[in-house]
Amino acid sequence: MLERLLPPAVRSAHARTDPPGAVLFPAEAALLVNAVAKRRQEFTTVRHCARQALAELGVAPAPILPGVRGAPVWPDGIVGSMTHCAGYRAAAVGRASQVGGLGIDAEEHGPLPDGVLSLISSAGERAHLAELAAARPGVHWERLLFSAKESVYKVWSPQTGEWLGFEEAEVSFDPEGETFTARVLVPGPLPTLTGRYLVEDGLVVTAIALPVP
């Protein structure tokens, strides 16, 4: 799915189940000493995907540890992003000489829990979603909004070193082109971001790839 959303310079890999052969480096495993089984599986499989994608770029396997605000620390010269949800794990990577930054997110395609939409959206966004739902009722647009904002954050934070709240980016969707635009409402180097999305196989998947500055 991701390869349909990202430019050719980006390599991606995904898994719908947790492969028994996936292993961690000791430094990664040390982070999971007290983790429950679900967390351990997600953490392990998404890094297995990342190493598969890195191998396509000719990058040797290496630990992928969390850095500032939990964002993964990639090998020198690499940008990337990872995501996981029930039944899906994925990673996307590219060379920094060819891709300015990456943000990907996947979510189960279903309604958000009660009360969440009001926490992550503006009144204008909710009106936009209502119009989209009337025209295309088969899509859980509120879940897609959540995913798009996750992708926005995953691009924004490594570029700025700053937190970006859900309320600090306003997203609109173009269902004809299956794209979205995010207007960032705080000062920074990325005032507008554009991405692509898919709703397929029980998932919503969103992705942003920045051009090289």
C-alpha atoms as a PDB file:
ATOM      1  CA  MET A   1       0.000   0.000   0.000  1.00  0.00           C
ATOM      2  CA  LEU A   2       2.698   2.479   0.970  1.00  0.00           C
ATOM      3  CA  GLU A   3       4.501   2.153  -2.340  1.00  0.00           C
ATOM      4  CA  ARG A   4       1.391   3.626  -3.985  1.00  0.00           C
ATOM      5  CA  LEU A   5       1.543   6.689  -1.733  1.00  0.00           C
ATOM      6  CA  LEU A   6       5.259   7.469  -1.776  1.00  0.00           C
ATOM      7  CA  PRO A   7       7.749   8.535  -4.480  1.00  0.00           C
ATOM      8  CA  PRO A   8      10.052   6.006  -6.183  1.00  0.00           C
ATOM      9  CA  ALA A   9      13.075   7.097  -4.120  1.00  0.00           C
ATOM     10  CA  VAL A  10      11.380   5.766  -0.971  1.00  0.00           C
ATOM     11  CA  ARG A  11      11.561   2.104  -0.004  1.00  0.00           C
ATOM     12  CA  SER A  12       8.938   0.536   2.224  1.00  0.00           C
ATOM     13  CA  ALA A  13       8.026  -2.793   3.794  1.00  0.00           C
ATOM     14  CA  HIS A  14       5.014  -4.018   5.715  1.00  0.00           C
ATOM     15  CA  ALA A  15       3.735  -7.058   7.602  1.00  0.00           C
ATOM     16  CA  ARG A  16       0.179  -8.142   8.379  1.00  0.00           C
ATOM     17  CA  THR A  17       1.361 -10.673  10.993  1.00  0.00           C
ATOM     18  CA  ASP A  18       4.325 -10.829  13.369  1.00  0.00           C
ATOM     19  CA  PRO A  19       6.984 -13.076  11.756  1.00  0.00           C
ATOM     20  CA  PRO A  20       8.512 -15.528  14.256  1.00  0.00           C
ATOM     21  CA  GLY A  21      11.972 -14.943  12.827  1.00  0.00           C
ATOM     22  CA  ALA A  22      12.068 -11.213  13.579  1.00  0.00           C
ATOM     23  CA  VAL A  23      14.789 -10.357  16.088  1.00  0.00           C
ATOM     24  CA  LEU A  24      16.033  -7.292  17.891  1.00  0.00           C
ATOM     25  CA  PHE A  25      19.499  -5.935  18.528  1.00  0.00           C
ATOM     26  CA  PRO A  26      20.487  -6.063  22.224  1.00  0.00           C
ATOM     27  CA  ALA A  27      20.114  -2.290  22.602  1.00  0.00           C
ATOM     28  CA  GLU A  28      16.567  -2.526  21.249  1.00  0.00           C
ATOM     29  CA  ALA A  29      15.646  -5.516  23.379  1.00  0.00           C
ATOM     30  CA  ALA A  30      16.866  -3.677  26.483  1.00  0.00           C
ATOM     31  CA  LEU A  31      14.068  -1.154  25.990  1.00  0.00           C
ATOM     32  CA  LEU A  32      11.444  -3.884  26.317  1.00  0.00           C
ATOM     33  CA  VAL A  33      12.417  -5.511  29.593  1.00  0.00           C
ATOM     34  CA  ASN A  34       9.090  -4.614  31.196  1.00  0.00           C
ATOM     35  CA  ALA A  35       6.977  -4.497  28.033  1.00  0.00           C
ATOM     36  CA  VAL A  36       3.837  -6.570  27.566  1.00  0.00           C
ATOM     37  CA  ALA A  37       3.743  -9.095  24.722  1.00  0.00           C
ATOM     38  CA  LYS A  38       1.684  -6.854  22.413  1.00  0.00           C
ATOM     39  CA  ARG A  39       4.152  -3.989  22.711  1.00  0.00           C
ATOM     40  CA  ARG A  40       7.091  -6.340  22.184  1.00  0.00           C
ATOM     41  CA  GLN A  41       5.541  -7.772  19.002  1.00  0.00           C
ATOM     42  CA  GLU A  42       4.750  -4.343  17.549  1.00  0.00           C
ATOM     43  CA  PHE A  43       8.202  -2.986  18.366  1.00  0.00           C
ATOM     44  CA  THR A  44       9.986  -6.031  16.930  1.00  0.00           C
ATOM     45  CA  THR A  45       7.984  -6.411  13.730  1.00  0.00           C
ATOM     46  CA  VAL A  46       8.048  -2.743  12.765  1.00  0.00           C
ATOM     47  CA  ARG A  47      11.842  -2.758  13.091  1.00  0.00           C
ATOM     48  CA  HIS A  48      11.979  -5.939  11.046  1.00  0.00           C
ATOM     49  CA  CYS A  49      10.073  -4.024   8.348  1.00  0.00           C
ATOM     50  CA  ALA A  50      12.423  -1.066   8.661  1.00  0.00           C
ATOM     51  CA  ARG A  51      15.492  -3.260   8.185  1.00  0.00           C
ATOM     52  CA  GLN A  52      13.901  -4.844   5.112  1.00  0.00           C
ATOM     53  CA  ALA A  53      13.332  -1.395   3.637  1.00  0.00           C
ATOM     54  CA  LEU A  54      16.835  -0.239   4.554  1.00  0.00           C
ATOM     55  CA  ALA A  55      18.310  -3.310   2.868  1.00  0.00           C
ATOM     56  CA  GLU A  56      16.720  -2.181  -0.391  1.00  0.00           C
ATOM     57  CA  LEU A  57      18.784   0.997  -0.071  1.00  0.00           C
ATOM     58  CA  GLY A  58      21.922  -1.044   0.606  1.00  0.00           C
ATOM     59  CA  VAL A  59      22.045  -0.060   4.284  1.00  0.00           C
ATOM     60  CA  ALA A  60      23.333  -2.691   6.706  1.00  0.00           C
ATOM     61  CA  PRO A  61      21.118  -3.762   9.627  1.00  0.00           C
ATOM     62  CA  ALA A  62      21.528  -1.587  12.713  1.00  0.00           C
ATOM     63  CA  PRO A  63      19.613  -0.800  15.898  1.00  0.00           C
ATOM     64  CA  ILE A  64      16.764   1.662  15.454  1.00  0.00           C
ATOM     65  CA  LEU A  65      16.365   3.343  18.823  1.00  0.00           C
ATOM     66  CA  PRO A  66      13.925   6.040  19.915  1.00  0.00           C
ATOM     67  CA  GLY A  67      15.344   9.541  20.094  1.00  0.00           C
ATOM     68  CA  VAL A  68      13.834  12.929  20.866  1.00  0.00           C
ATOM     69  CA  ARG A  69      10.094  12.610  21.590  1.00  0.00           C
ATOM     70  CA  GLY A  70      10.252   8.933  20.694  1.00  0.00           C
ATOM     71  CA  ALA A  71      11.036   9.452  17.003  1.00  0.00           C
ATOM     72  CA  PRO A  72      13.253   6.680  15.591  1.00  0.00           C
ATOM     73  CA  VAL A  73      16.935   7.491  15.078  1.00  0.00           C
ATOM     74  CA  TRP A  74      17.905   6.366  11.594  1.00  0.00           C
ATOM     75  CA  PRO A  75      21.374   5.583  10.222  1.00  0.00           C
ATOM     76  CA  ASP A  76      23.332   8.584   8.962  1.00  0.00           C
ATOM     77  CA  GLY A  77      21.981   9.938   5.696  1.00  0.00           C
ATOM     78  CA  ILE A  78      18.597   8.216   6.068  1.00  0.00           C
ATOM     79  CA  VAL A  79      15.140   9.607   6.786  1.00  0.00           C
ATOM     80  CA  GLY A  80      12.246   7.374   7.657  1.00  0.00           C
ATOM     81  CA  SER A  81       9.026   6.706   9.496  1.00  0.00           C
ATOM     82  CA  MET A  82       7.327   3.706  11.087  1.00  0.00           C
ATOM     83  CA  THR A  83       3.754   2.831  12.026  1.00  0.00           C
ATOM     84  CA  HIS A  84       1.809  -0.020  13.548  1.00  0.00           C
ATOM     85  CA  CYS A  85      -1.771  -0.839  14.377  1.00  0.00           C
ATOM     86  CA  ALA A  86      -3.732  -4.050  14.878  1.00  0.00           C
ATOM     87  CA  GLY A  87      -2.852  -6.366  11.999  1.00  0.00           C
ATOM     88  CA  TYR A  88      -0.433  -4.038  10.229  1.00  0.00           C
ATOM     89  CA  ARG A  89       3.146  -2.843  10.736  1.00  0.00           C
ATOM     90  CA  ALA A  90       5.125  -0.809   8.200  1.00  0.00           C
ATOM     91  CA  ALA A  91       8.194   1.325   7.664  1.00  0.00           C
ATOM     92  CA  ALA A  92       9.356   3.680   4.924  1.00  0.00           C
ATOM     93  CA  VAL A  93      12.888   4.996   4.393  1.00  0.00           C
ATOM     94  CA  GLY A  94      14.804   7.097   1.909  1.00  0.00           C
ATOM     95  CA  ARG A  95      18.153   8.743   1.478  1.00  0.00           C
ATOM     96  CA  ALA A  96      18.255  12.291   2.806  1.00  0.00           C
ATOM     97  CA  SER A  97      19.830  13.352  -0.478  1.00  0.00           C
ATOM     98  CA  GLN A  98      16.616  12.344  -2.261  1.00  0.00           C
ATOM     99  CA  VAL A  99      13.841  12.798   0.315  1.00  0.00           C
ATOM    100  CA  GLY A 100      13.540  15.673   2.760  1.00  0.00           C
ATOM    101  CA  GLY A 101      11.470  13.807   5.341  1.00  0.00           C
ATOM    102  CA  LEU A 102       8.842  11.090   5.762  1.00  0.00           C
ATOM    103  CA  GLY A 103       5.729  10.618   7.837  1.00  0.00           C
ATOM    104  CA  ILE A 104       3.499   7.544   7.592  1.00  0.00           C
ATOM    105  CA  ASP A 105       0.587   6.304   9.651  1.00  0.00           C
ATOM    106  CA  ALA A 106      -1.868   3.402   9.526  1.00  0.00           C
ATOM    107  CA  GLU A 107      -5.040   2.931  11.539  1.00  0.00           C
ATOM    108  CA  GLU A 108      -7.873   0.429  11.610  1.00  0.00           C
ATOM    109  CA  HIS A 109     -10.694   1.708   9.414  1.00  0.00           C
ATOM    110  CA  GLY A 110     -13.446   2.322  11.916  1.00  0.00           C
ATOM    111  CA  PRO A 111     -14.991   5.119  13.965  1.00  0.00           C
ATOM    112  CA  LEU A 112     -12.934   6.934  16.558  1.00  0.00           C
ATOM    113  CA  PRO A 113     -13.833   6.303  20.197  1.00  0.00           C
ATOM    114  CA  ASP A 114     -16.486   8.632  21.588  1.00  0.00           C
ATOM    115  CA  GLY A 115     -15.158  12.071  22.446  1.00  0.00           C
ATOM    116  CA  VAL A 116     -11.892  11.804  20.533  1.00  0.00           C
ATOM    117  CA  LEU A 117     -12.925  13.782  17.452  1.00  0.00           C
ATOM    118  CA  SER A 118     -13.613  16.930  19.473  1.00  0.00           C
ATOM    119  CA  LEU A 119     -10.122  16.672  20.974  1.00  0.00           C
ATOM    120  CA  ILE A 120      -8.249  16.401  17.670  1.00  0.00           C
ATOM    121  CA  SER A 121     -10.224  18.687  15.351  1.00  0.00           C
ATOM    122  CA  SER A 122     -11.454  22.233  14.895  1.00  0.00           C
ATOM    123  CA  ALA A 123     -15.038  23.240  14.210  1.00  0.00           C
ATOM    124  CA  GLY A 124     -14.037  23.904  10.606  1.00  0.00           C
ATOM    125  CA  GLU A 125     -12.550  20.435  10.235  1.00  0.00           C
ATOM    126  CA  ARG A 126     -15.668  18.826  11.683  1.00  0.00           C
ATOM    127  CA  ALA A 127     -17.824  20.700   9.190  1.00  0.00           C
ATOM    128  CA  HIS A 128     -15.505  19.536   6.386  1.00  0.00           C
ATOM    129  CA  LEU A 129     -15.765  15.925   7.574  1.00  0.00           C
ATOM    130  CA  ALA A 130     -19.549  16.149   7.691  1.00  0.00           C
ATOM    131  CA  GLU A 131     -19.622  17.249   4.053  1.00  0.00           C
ATOM    132  CA  LEU A 132     -17.272  14.422   3.068  1.00  0.00           C
ATOM    133  CA  ALA A 133     -19.329  11.849   4.982  1.00  0.00           C
ATOM    134  CA  ALA A 134     -22.520  12.970   3.251  1.00  0.00           C
ATOM    135  CA  ALA A 135     -20.883  12.566  -0.157  1.00  0.00           C
ATOM    136  CA  ARG A 136     -18.890   9.400   0.611  1.00  0.00           C
ATOM    137  CA  PRO A 137     -20.464   7.646   3.590  1.00  0.00           C
ATOM    138  CA  GLY A 138     -18.349   4.515   3.231  1.00  0.00           C
ATOM    139  CA  VAL A 139     -15.264   6.234   4.712  1.00  0.00           C
ATOM    140  CA  HIS A 140     -14.688   6.913   8.396  1.00  0.00           C
ATOM    141  CA  TRP A 141     -13.346  10.386   7.754  1.00  0.00           C
ATOM    142  CA  GLU A 142     -12.691  11.099  11.413  1.00  0.00           C
ATOM    143  CA  ARG A 143     -10.279   8.159  11.548  1.00  0.00           C
ATOM    144  CA  LEU A 144      -8.613   9.389   8.374  1.00  0.00           C
ATOM    145  CA  LEU A 145      -8.212  12.824   9.950  1.00  0.00           C
ATOM    146  CA  PHE A 146      -6.532  11.261  12.973  1.00  0.00           C
ATOM    147  CA  SER A 147      -4.142   9.324  10.727  1.00  0.00           C
ATOM    148  CA  ALA A 148      -3.317  12.359   8.580  1.00  0.00           C
ATOM    149  CA  LYS A 149      -2.451  14.383  11.682  1.00  0.00           C
ATOM    150  CA  GLU A 150      -0.220  11.565  12.912  1.00  0.00           C
ATOM    151  CA  SER A 151       1.669  11.662   9.595  1.00  0.00           C
ATOM    152  CA  VAL A 152       1.932  15.435   9.853  1.00  0.00           C
ATOM    153  CA  TYR A 153       3.449  15.155  13.324  1.00  0.00           C
ATOM    154  CA  LYS A 154       5.919  12.476  12.227  1.00  0.00           C
ATOM    155  CA  VAL A 155       7.227  14.815   9.513  1.00  0.00           C
ATOM    156  CA  TRP A 156       7.102  17.984  11.600  1.00  0.00           C
ATOM    157  CA  SER A 157       8.846  16.817  14.765  1.00  0.00           C
ATOM    158  CA  PRO A 158      12.146  15.557  13.252  1.00  0.00           C
ATOM    159  CA  GLN A 159      12.389  18.733  11.171  1.00  0.00           C
ATOM    160  CA  THR A 160      11.824  21.106  14.086  1.00  0.00           C
ATOM    161  CA  GLY A 161      12.557  19.203  17.274  1.00  0.00           C
ATOM    162  CA  GLU A 162       9.223  20.509  18.545  1.00  0.00           C
ATOM    163  CA  TRP A 163       5.907  19.023  19.600  1.00  0.00           C
ATOM    164  CA  LEU A 164       2.919  19.681  17.341  1.00  0.00           C
ATOM    165  CA  GLY A 165      -0.519  19.236  18.861  1.00  0.00           C
ATOM    166  CA  PHE A 166      -3.553  17.926  17.007  1.00  0.00           C
ATOM    167  CA  GLU A 167      -5.109  21.385  17.237  1.00  0.00           C
ATOM    168  CA  GLU A 168      -2.038  23.023  15.680  1.00  0.00           C
ATOM    169  CA  ALA A 169      -2.600  21.665  12.167  1.00  0.00           C
ATOM    170  CA  GLU A 170      -5.778  21.962  10.118  1.00  0.00           C
ATOM    171  CA  VAL A 171      -6.330  19.231   7.531  1.00  0.00           C
ATOM    172  CA  SER A 172      -8.540  19.141   4.442  1.00  0.00           C
ATOM    173  CA  PHE A 173      -9.092  16.203   2.086  1.00  0.00           C
ATOM    174  CA  ASP A 174      -9.481  15.940  -1.681  1.00  0.00           C
ATOM    175  CA  PRO A 175     -11.379  12.668  -2.178  1.00  0.00           C
ATOM    176  CA  GLU A 176     -11.024  12.797  -5.959  1.00  0.00           C
ATOM    177  CA  GLY A 177      -7.254  12.704  -5.815  1.00  0.00           C
ATOM    178  CA  GLU A 178      -7.034  10.852  -2.479  1.00  0.00           C
ATOM    179  CA  THR A 179      -4.782  13.591  -1.139  1.00  0.00           C
ATOM    180  CA  PHE A 180      -4.808  15.859   1.888  1.00  0.00           C
ATOM    181  CA  THR A 181      -3.357  19.239   2.787  1.00  0.00           C
ATOM    182  CA  ALA A 182      -2.342  20.299   6.282  1.00  0.00           C
ATOM    183  CA  ARG A 183      -2.012  23.949   7.238  1.00  0.00           C
ATOM    184  CA  VAL A 184       0.280  24.242  10.255  1.00  0.00           C
ATOM    185  CA  LEU A 185      -0.968  26.922  12.610  1.00  0.00           C
ATOM    186  CA  VAL A 186       2.260  27.593  14.513  1.00  0.00           C
ATOM    187  CA  PRO A 187       5.453  29.261  13.240  1.00  0.00           C
ATOM    188  CA  GLY A 188       7.950  26.941  11.631  1.00  0.00           C
ATOM    189  CA  PRO A 189       9.665  25.818   8.443  1.00  0.00           C
ATOM    190  CA  LEU A 190       6.714  23.787   7.135  1.00  0.00           C
ATOM    191  CA  PRO A 191       3.616  25.990   6.977  1.00  0.00           C
ATOM    192  CA  THR A 192       1.839  23.665   4.547  1.00  0.00           C
ATOM    193  CA  LEU A 193       2.187  19.928   4.055  1.00  0.00           C
ATOM    194  CA  THR A 194       0.586  17.710   1.435  1.00  0.00           C
ATOM    195  CA  GLY A 195       0.114  13.961   1.588  1.00  0.00           C
ATOM    196  CA  ARG A 196      -1.751  11.030   0.110  1.00  0.00           C
ATOM    197  CA  TYR A 197      -4.074   8.436   1.592  1.00  0.00           C
ATOM    198  CA  LEU A 198      -5.665   5.060   0.950  1.00  0.00           C
ATOM    199  CA  VAL A 199      -8.673   3.363   2.510  1.00  0.00           C
ATOM    200  CA  GLU A 200      -8.328  -0.337   1.780  1.00  0.00           C
ATOM    201  CA  ASP A 201      -8.301  -3.808   3.374  1.00  0.00           C
ATOM    202  CA  GLY A 202      -9.754  -2.571   6.644  1.00  0.00           C
ATOM    203  CA  LEU A 203      -7.122   0.159   7.040  1.00  0.00           C
ATOM    204  CA  VAL A 204      -6.617   3.840   6.495  1.00  0.00           C
ATOM    205  CA  VAL A 205      -3.031   4.679   5.529  1.00  0.00           C
ATOM    206  CA  THR A 206      -1.604   8.178   5.151  1.00  0.00           C
ATOM    207  CA  ALA A 207       1.830   9.305   3.992  1.00  0.00           C
ATOM    208  CA  ILE A 208       3.812  12.507   3.510  1.00  0.00           C
ATOM    209  CA  ALA A 209       7.132  12.752   1.656  1.00  0.00           C
ATOM    210  CA  LEU A 210       8.952  16.068   1.742  1.00  0.00           C
ATOM    211  CA  PRO A 211      11.048  17.206  -1.184  1.00  0.00           C
ATOM    212  CA  VAL A 212      14.723  17.839  -0.573  1.00  0.00           C
ATOM    213  CA  PRO A 213      15.199  21.472   0.507  1.00  0.00           C
END
